[in-house]
Amino acid sequence: MKLKVRVVHYRCHGRDCWYADIDDAEDRQPDDPYWYADGCHSQAEAIALACTQLAALEQTDRPLLRISESQLAA
């Protein structure tokens, strides 16, 4: 499976924030990613968190679960 990282800049309560998520590269609707981090203080922080998570995903043999699926499994 090919994964992609998406990093988005937005304004929240008058300050700059960054959001990162990891999703399937073929998924056209990014509404249910495998992982996300919201409220990052910088683009670098969002990218670093996503890279750390990608490295962790690479080390696991478990099937990837989307956010909605992992909430059902909990």
PDB file of N, CA and C in Angstrom:
ATOM      1  N   MET A   1       0.841  -1.168   0.000  1.00  0.00           N
ATOM      2  CA  MET A   1       0.000   0.000   0.000  1.00  0.00           C
ATOM      3  C   MET A   1       0.896   1.243   0.000  1.00  0.00           C
ATOM      4  N   LYS A   2       0.512   2.204  -0.793  1.00  0.00           N
ATOM      5  CA  LYS A   2       1.216   3.482  -0.814  1.00  0.00           C
ATOM      6  C   LYS A   2       0.485   4.453   0.091  1.00  0.00           C
ATOM      7  N   LEU A   3       1.231   5.056   1.007  1.00  0.00           N
ATOM      8  CA  LEU A   3       0.654   6.032   1.919  1.00  0.00           C
ATOM      9  C   LEU A   3       1.128   7.428   1.548  1.00  0.00           C
ATOM     10  N   LYS A   4       0.340   8.416   1.920  1.00  0.00           N
ATOM     11  CA  LYS A   4       0.732   9.807   1.699  1.00  0.00           C
ATOM     12  C   LYS A   4       0.533  10.586   2.988  1.00  0.00           C
ATOM     13  N   VAL A   5       1.339  11.602   3.154  1.00  0.00           N
ATOM     14  CA  VAL A   5       1.198  12.537   4.273  1.00  0.00           C
ATOM     15  C   VAL A   5       0.652  13.830   3.700  1.00  0.00           C
ATOM     16  N   ARG A   6      -0.336  14.350   4.383  1.00  0.00           N
ATOM     17  CA  ARG A   6      -0.919  15.639   3.994  1.00  0.00           C
ATOM     18  C   ARG A   6      -0.723  16.593   5.160  1.00  0.00           C
ATOM     19  N   VAL A   7      -0.191  17.772   4.892  1.00  0.00           N
ATOM     20  CA  VAL A   7       0.013  18.796   5.924  1.00  0.00           C
ATOM     21  C   VAL A   7      -0.761  20.030   5.499  1.00  0.00           C
ATOM     22  N   VAL A   8      -1.597  20.522   6.416  1.00  0.00           N
ATOM     23  CA  VAL A   8      -2.490  21.643   6.108  1.00  0.00           C
ATOM     24  C   VAL A   8      -2.272  22.757   7.117  1.00  0.00           C
ATOM     25  N   HIS A   9      -2.206  23.992   6.617  1.00  0.00           N
ATOM     26  CA  HIS A   9      -2.084  25.173   7.456  1.00  0.00           C
ATOM     27  C   HIS A   9      -3.473  25.786   7.631  1.00  0.00           C
ATOM     28  N   TYR A  10      -3.807  26.209   8.861  1.00  0.00           N
ATOM     29  CA  TYR A  10      -5.081  26.880   9.110  1.00  0.00           C
ATOM     30  C   TYR A  10      -4.935  27.839  10.287  1.00  0.00           C
ATOM     31  N   ARG A  11      -5.901  28.716  10.440  1.00  0.00           N
ATOM     32  CA  ARG A  11      -5.922  29.668  11.554  1.00  0.00           C
ATOM     33  C   ARG A  11      -6.885  29.144  12.609  1.00  0.00           C
ATOM     34  N   CYS A  12      -6.449  29.181  13.866  1.00  0.00           N
ATOM     35  CA  CYS A  12      -7.273  28.693  14.972  1.00  0.00           C
ATOM     36  C   CYS A  12      -7.128  29.658  16.141  1.00  0.00           C
ATOM     37  N   HIS A  13      -8.212  30.288  16.540  1.00  0.00           N
ATOM     38  CA  HIS A  13      -8.196  31.247  17.646  1.00  0.00           C
ATOM     39  C   HIS A  13      -7.131  32.324  17.442  1.00  0.00           C
ATOM     40  N   GLY A  14      -7.016  32.797  16.207  1.00  0.00           N
ATOM     41  CA  GLY A  14      -6.106  33.879  15.893  1.00  0.00           C
ATOM     42  C   GLY A  14      -4.646  33.498  15.754  1.00  0.00           C
ATOM     43  N   ARG A  15      -4.324  32.207  15.778  1.00  0.00           N
ATOM     44  CA  ARG A  15      -2.921  31.806  15.609  1.00  0.00           C
ATOM     45  C   ARG A  15      -2.812  30.780  14.491  1.00  0.00           C
ATOM     46  N   ASP A  16      -1.597  30.645  13.964  1.00  0.00           N
ATOM     47  CA  ASP A  16      -1.340  29.655  12.925  1.00  0.00           C
ATOM     48  C   ASP A  16      -1.269  28.263  13.534  1.00  0.00           C
ATOM     49  N   CYS A  17      -1.935  27.324  12.903  1.00  0.00           N
ATOM     50  CA  CYS A  17      -1.891  25.920  13.331  1.00  0.00           C
ATOM     51  C   CYS A  17      -1.634  25.051  12.104  1.00  0.00           C
ATOM     52  N   TRP A  18      -1.196  23.844  12.367  1.00  0.00           N
ATOM     53  CA  TRP A  18      -0.911  22.881  11.306  1.00  0.00           C
ATOM     54  C   TRP A  18      -1.542  21.540  11.667  1.00  0.00           C
ATOM     55  N   TYR A  19      -2.004  20.860  10.645  1.00  0.00           N
ATOM     56  CA  TYR A  19      -2.652  19.560  10.766  1.00  0.00           C
ATOM     57  C   TYR A  19      -1.908  18.608   9.832  1.00  0.00           C
ATOM     58  N   ALA A  20      -1.677  17.381  10.278  1.00  0.00           N
ATOM     59  CA  ALA A  20      -1.055  16.376   9.409  1.00  0.00           C
ATOM     60  C   ALA A  20      -1.878  15.096   9.487  1.00  0.00           C
ATOM     61  N   ASP A  21      -1.983  14.401   8.367  1.00  0.00           N
ATOM     62  CA  ASP A  21      -2.610  13.084   8.395  1.00  0.00           C
ATOM     63  C   ASP A  21      -1.893  12.136   7.448  1.00  0.00           C
ATOM     64  N   ILE A  22      -2.134  10.856   7.670  1.00  0.00           N
ATOM     65  CA  ILE A  22      -1.584   9.796   6.825  1.00  0.00           C
ATOM     66  C   ILE A  22      -2.768   9.029   6.252  1.00  0.00           C
ATOM     67  N   ASP A  23      -2.748   8.881   4.934  1.00  0.00           N
ATOM     68  CA  ASP A  23      -3.857   8.217   4.260  1.00  0.00           C
ATOM     69  C   ASP A  23      -3.320   7.415   3.086  1.00  0.00           C
ATOM     70  N   ASP A  24      -4.186   6.606   2.534  1.00  0.00           N
ATOM     71  CA  ASP A  24      -3.873   5.841   1.332  1.00  0.00           C
ATOM     72  C   ASP A  24      -3.711   6.819   0.166  1.00  0.00           C
ATOM     73  N   ALA A  25      -2.683   6.658  -0.609  1.00  0.00           N
ATOM     74  CA  ALA A  25      -2.416   7.573  -1.723  1.00  0.00           C
ATOM     75  C   ALA A  25      -3.540   7.577  -2.752  1.00  0.00           C
ATOM     76  N   GLU A  26      -4.322   6.506  -2.807  1.00  0.00           N
ATOM     77  CA  GLU A  26      -5.411   6.406  -3.784  1.00  0.00           C
ATOM     78  C   GLU A  26      -6.726   6.984  -3.260  1.00  0.00           C
ATOM     79  N   ASP A  27      -6.799   7.311  -1.981  1.00  0.00           N
ATOM     80  CA  ASP A  27      -8.037   7.793  -1.366  1.00  0.00           C
ATOM     81  C   ASP A  27      -8.283   9.238  -1.766  1.00  0.00           C
ATOM     82  N   ARG A  28      -9.350   9.480  -2.506  1.00  0.00           N
ATOM     83  CA  ARG A  28      -9.665  10.827  -2.980  1.00  0.00           C
ATOM     84  C   ARG A  28     -10.348  11.670  -1.912  1.00  0.00           C
ATOM     85  N   GLN A  29     -10.938  11.047  -0.892  1.00  0.00           N
ATOM     86  CA  GLN A  29     -11.625  11.784   0.155  1.00  0.00           C
ATOM     87  C   GLN A  29     -10.866  11.589   1.463  1.00  0.00           C
ATOM     88  N   PRO A  30     -10.178  12.624   1.922  1.00  0.00           N
ATOM     89  CA  PRO A  30      -9.333  12.496   3.118  1.00  0.00           C
ATOM     90  C   PRO A  30     -10.103  12.655   4.425  1.00  0.00           C
ATOM     91  N   ASP A  31     -11.313  12.099   4.500  1.00  0.00           N
ATOM     92  CA  ASP A  31     -12.135  12.300   5.688  1.00  0.00           C
ATOM     93  C   ASP A  31     -11.966  11.212   6.748  1.00  0.00           C
ATOM     94  N   ASP A  32     -11.256  10.148   6.450  1.00  0.00           N
ATOM     95  CA  ASP A  32     -11.075   9.059   7.418  1.00  0.00           C
ATOM     96  C   ASP A  32      -9.662   8.473   7.261  1.00  0.00           C
ATOM     97  N   PRO A  33      -8.639   9.219   7.705  1.00  0.00           N
ATOM     98  CA  PRO A  33      -7.261   8.769   7.519  1.00  0.00           C
ATOM     99  C   PRO A  33      -6.896   7.640   8.481  1.00  0.00           C
ATOM    100  N   TYR A  34      -5.694   7.118   8.323  1.00  0.00           N
ATOM    101  CA  TYR A  34      -5.170   6.103   9.237  1.00  0.00           C
ATOM    102  C   TYR A  34      -4.629   6.737  10.517  1.00  0.00           C
ATOM    103  N   TRP A  35      -4.204   7.994  10.407  1.00  0.00           N
ATOM    104  CA  TRP A  35      -3.612   8.680  11.546  1.00  0.00           C
ATOM    105  C   TRP A  35      -3.720  10.180  11.300  1.00  0.00           C
ATOM    106  N   TYR A  36      -3.802  10.973  12.369  1.00  0.00           N
ATOM    107  CA  TYR A  36      -3.756  12.423  12.213  1.00  0.00           C
ATOM    108  C   TYR A  36      -3.221  13.085  13.477  1.00  0.00           C
ATOM    109  N   ALA A  37      -2.704  14.285  13.312  1.00  0.00           N
ATOM    110  CA  ALA A  37      -2.275  15.134  14.424  1.00  0.00           C
ATOM    111  C   ALA A  37      -2.801  16.531  14.128  1.00  0.00           C
ATOM    112  N   ASP A  38      -3.531  17.089  15.067  1.00  0.00           N
ATOM    113  CA  ASP A  38      -4.144  18.398  14.888  1.00  0.00           C
ATOM    114  C   ASP A  38      -3.533  19.379  15.888  1.00  0.00           C
ATOM    115  N   GLY A  39      -3.508  20.645  15.527  1.00  0.00           N
ATOM    116  CA  GLY A  39      -3.056  21.679  16.455  1.00  0.00           C
ATOM    117  C   GLY A  39      -1.548  21.792  16.591  1.00  0.00           C
ATOM    118  N   CYS A  40      -0.803  21.339  15.604  1.00  0.00           N
ATOM    119  CA  CYS A  40       0.657  21.481  15.647  1.00  0.00           C
ATOM    120  C   CYS A  40       1.002  22.963  15.539  1.00  0.00           C
ATOM    121  N   HIS A  41       2.077  23.364  16.199  1.00  0.00           N
ATOM    122  CA  HIS A  41       2.464  24.778  16.242  1.00  0.00           C
ATOM    123  C   HIS A  41       3.264  25.223  15.026  1.00  0.00           C
ATOM    124  N   SER A  42       3.791  24.274  14.263  1.00  0.00           N
ATOM    125  CA  SER A  42       4.573  24.636  13.077  1.00  0.00           C
ATOM    126  C   SER A  42       4.453  23.535  12.032  1.00  0.00           C
ATOM    127  N   GLN A  43       4.800  23.910  10.809  1.00  0.00           N
ATOM    128  CA  GLN A  43       4.829  22.930   9.739  1.00  0.00           C
ATOM    129  C   GLN A  43       5.859  21.849  10.044  1.00  0.00           C
ATOM    130  N   ALA A  44       7.005  22.255  10.575  1.00  0.00           N
ATOM    131  CA  ALA A  44       8.065  21.297  10.907  1.00  0.00           C
ATOM    132  C   ALA A  44       7.594  20.285  11.950  1.00  0.00           C
ATOM    133  N   GLU A  45       6.842  20.750  12.940  1.00  0.00           N
ATOM    134  CA  GLU A  45       6.316  19.840  13.965  1.00  0.00           C
ATOM    135  C   GLU A  45       5.347  18.836  13.343  1.00  0.00           C
ATOM    136  N   ALA A  46       4.464  19.305  12.476  1.00  0.00           N
ATOM    137  CA  ALA A  46       3.489  18.417  11.826  1.00  0.00           C
ATOM    138  C   ALA A  46       4.206  17.369  10.980  1.00  0.00           C
ATOM    139  N   ILE A  47       5.210  17.788  10.226  1.00  0.00           N
ATOM    140  CA  ILE A  47       5.958  16.854   9.380  1.00  0.00           C
ATOM    141  C   ILE A  47       6.731  15.855  10.229  1.00  0.00           C
ATOM    142  N   ALA A  48       7.360  16.325  11.305  1.00  0.00           N
ATOM    143  CA  ALA A  48       8.125  15.425  12.176  1.00  0.00           C
ATOM    144  C   ALA A  48       7.225  14.368  12.813  1.00  0.00           C
ATOM    145  N   LEU A  49       6.051  14.779  13.283  1.00  0.00           N
ATOM    146  CA  LEU A  49       5.118  13.815  13.871  1.00  0.00           C
ATOM    147  C   LEU A  49       4.674  12.781  12.835  1.00  0.00           C
ATOM    148  N   ALA A  50       4.377  13.244  11.631  1.00  0.00           N
ATOM    149  CA  ALA A  50       3.942  12.330  10.571  1.00  0.00           C
ATOM    150  C   ALA A  50       5.064  11.363  10.191  1.00  0.00           C
ATOM    151  N   CYS A  51       6.295  11.842  10.113  1.00  0.00           N
ATOM    152  CA  CYS A  51       7.422  10.966   9.780  1.00  0.00           C
ATOM    153  C   CYS A  51       7.645   9.914  10.862  1.00  0.00           C
ATOM    154  N   THR A  52       7.528  10.321  12.113  1.00  0.00           N
ATOM    155  CA  THR A  52       7.653   9.376  13.225  1.00  0.00           C
ATOM    156  C   THR A  52       6.580   8.303  13.133  1.00  0.00           C
ATOM    157  N   GLN A  53       5.360   8.721  12.820  1.00  0.00           N
ATOM    158  CA  GLN A  53       4.263   7.758  12.713  1.00  0.00           C
ATOM    159  C   GLN A  53       4.456   6.830  11.523  1.00  0.00           C
ATOM    160  N   LEU A  54       4.930   7.364  10.397  1.00  0.00           N
ATOM    161  CA  LEU A  54       5.198   6.512   9.231  1.00  0.00           C
ATOM    162  C   LEU A  54       6.241   5.450   9.561  1.00  0.00           C
ATOM    163  N   ALA A  55       7.275   5.840  10.283  1.00  0.00           N
ATOM    164  CA  ALA A  55       8.309   4.878  10.682  1.00  0.00           C
ATOM    165  C   ALA A  55       7.717   3.795  11.583  1.00  0.00           C
ATOM    166  N   ALA A  56       6.823   4.183  12.487  1.00  0.00           N
ATOM    167  CA  ALA A  56       6.180   3.199  13.366  1.00  0.00           C
ATOM    168  C   ALA A  56       5.282   2.257  12.568  1.00  0.00           C
ATOM    169  N   LEU A  57       4.549   2.790  11.602  1.00  0.00           N
ATOM    170  CA  LEU A  57       3.673   1.958  10.775  1.00  0.00           C
ATOM    171  C   LEU A  57       4.481   0.956   9.955  1.00  0.00           C
ATOM    172  N   GLU A  58       5.662   1.364   9.534  1.00  0.00           N
ATOM    173  CA  GLU A  58       6.515   0.480   8.743  1.00  0.00           C
ATOM    174  C   GLU A  58       6.990  -0.724   9.559  1.00  0.00           C
ATOM    175  N   GLN A  59       7.085  -0.562  10.870  1.00  0.00           N
ATOM    176  CA  GLN A  59       7.597  -1.615  11.745  1.00  0.00           C
ATOM    177  C   GLN A  59       6.531  -2.616  12.192  1.00  0.00           C
ATOM    178  N   THR A  60       5.274  -2.340  11.923  1.00  0.00           N
ATOM    179  CA  THR A  60       4.210  -3.222  12.400  1.00  0.00           C
ATOM    180  C   THR A  60       3.727  -4.164  11.300  1.00  0.00           C
ATOM    181  N   ASP A  61       3.308  -5.344  11.712  1.00  0.00           N
ATOM    182  CA  ASP A  61       2.742  -6.318  10.778  1.00  0.00           C
ATOM    183  C   ASP A  61       1.216  -6.299  10.805  1.00  0.00           C
ATOM    184  N   ARG A  62       0.657  -5.531  11.722  1.00  0.00           N
ATOM    185  CA  ARG A  62      -0.795  -5.461  11.836  1.00  0.00           C
ATOM    186  C   ARG A  62      -1.391  -4.694  10.668  1.00  0.00           C
ATOM    187  N   PRO A  63      -2.601  -5.055  10.257  1.00  0.00           N
ATOM    188  CA  PRO A  63      -3.262  -4.296   9.192  1.00  0.00           C
ATOM    189  C   PRO A  63      -3.563  -2.876   9.687  1.00  0.00           C
ATOM    190  N   LEU A  64      -3.488  -1.925   8.787  1.00  0.00           N
ATOM    191  CA  LEU A  64      -3.782  -0.540   9.148  1.00  0.00           C
ATOM    192  C   LEU A  64      -5.272  -0.353   9.341  1.00  0.00           C
ATOM    193  N   LEU A  65      -5.625   0.392  10.364  1.00  0.00           N
ATOM    194  CA  LEU A  65      -7.023   0.724  10.615  1.00  0.00           C
ATOM    195  C   LEU A  65      -7.220   2.216  10.432  1.00  0.00           C
ATOM    196  N   ARG A  66      -8.300   2.585   9.793  1.00  0.00           N
ATOM    197  CA  ARG A  66      -8.656   3.997   9.679  1.00  0.00           C
ATOM    198  C   ARG A  66      -9.130   4.491  11.044  1.00  0.00           C
ATOM    199  N   ILE A  67      -9.158   5.799  11.230  1.00  0.00           N
ATOM    200  CA  ILE A  67      -9.559   6.379  12.513  1.00  0.00           C
ATOM    201  C   ILE A  67     -10.923   5.829  12.944  1.00  0.00           C
ATOM    202  N   SER A  68     -11.882   5.774  12.045  1.00  0.00           N
ATOM    203  CA  SER A  68     -13.226   5.287  12.392  1.00  0.00           C
ATOM    204  C   SER A  68     -13.191   3.816  12.801  1.00  0.00           C
ATOM    205  N   GLU A  69     -12.341   3.021  12.162  1.00  0.00           N
ATOM    206  CA  GLU A  69     -12.233   1.583  12.482  1.00  0.00           C
ATOM    207  C   GLU A  69     -11.559   1.377  13.845  1.00  0.00           C
ATOM    208  N   SER A  70     -10.545   2.169  14.145  1.00  0.00           N
ATOM    209  CA  SER A  70      -9.846   1.987  15.420  1.00  0.00           C
ATOM    210  C   SER A  70     -10.717   2.414  16.596  1.00  0.00           C
ATOM    211  N   GLN A  71     -11.619   3.369  16.380  1.00  0.00           N
ATOM    212  CA  GLN A  71     -12.552   3.764  17.445  1.00  0.00           C
ATOM    213  C   GLN A  71     -13.557   2.653  17.713  1.00  0.00           C
ATOM    214  N   LEU A  72     -13.943   1.907  16.689  1.00  0.00           N
ATOM    215  CA  LEU A  72     -14.859   0.789  16.865  1.00  0.00           C
ATOM    216  C   LEU A  72     -14.173  -0.377  17.579  1.00  0.00           C
ATOM    217  N   ALA A  73     -12.871  -0.548  17.332  1.00  0.00           N
ATOM    218  CA  ALA A  73     -12.117  -1.658  17.931  1.00  0.00           C
ATOM    219  C   ALA A  73     -11.788  -1.397  19.395  1.00  0.00           C
ATOM    220  N   ALA A  74     -11.827  -0.134  19.809  1.00  0.00           N
ATOM    221  CA  ALA A  74     -11.455   0.203  21.210  1.00  0.00           C
ATOM    222  C   ALA A  74     -12.542  -0.121  22.190  1.00  0.00           C
TER     223      ALA A  74
END
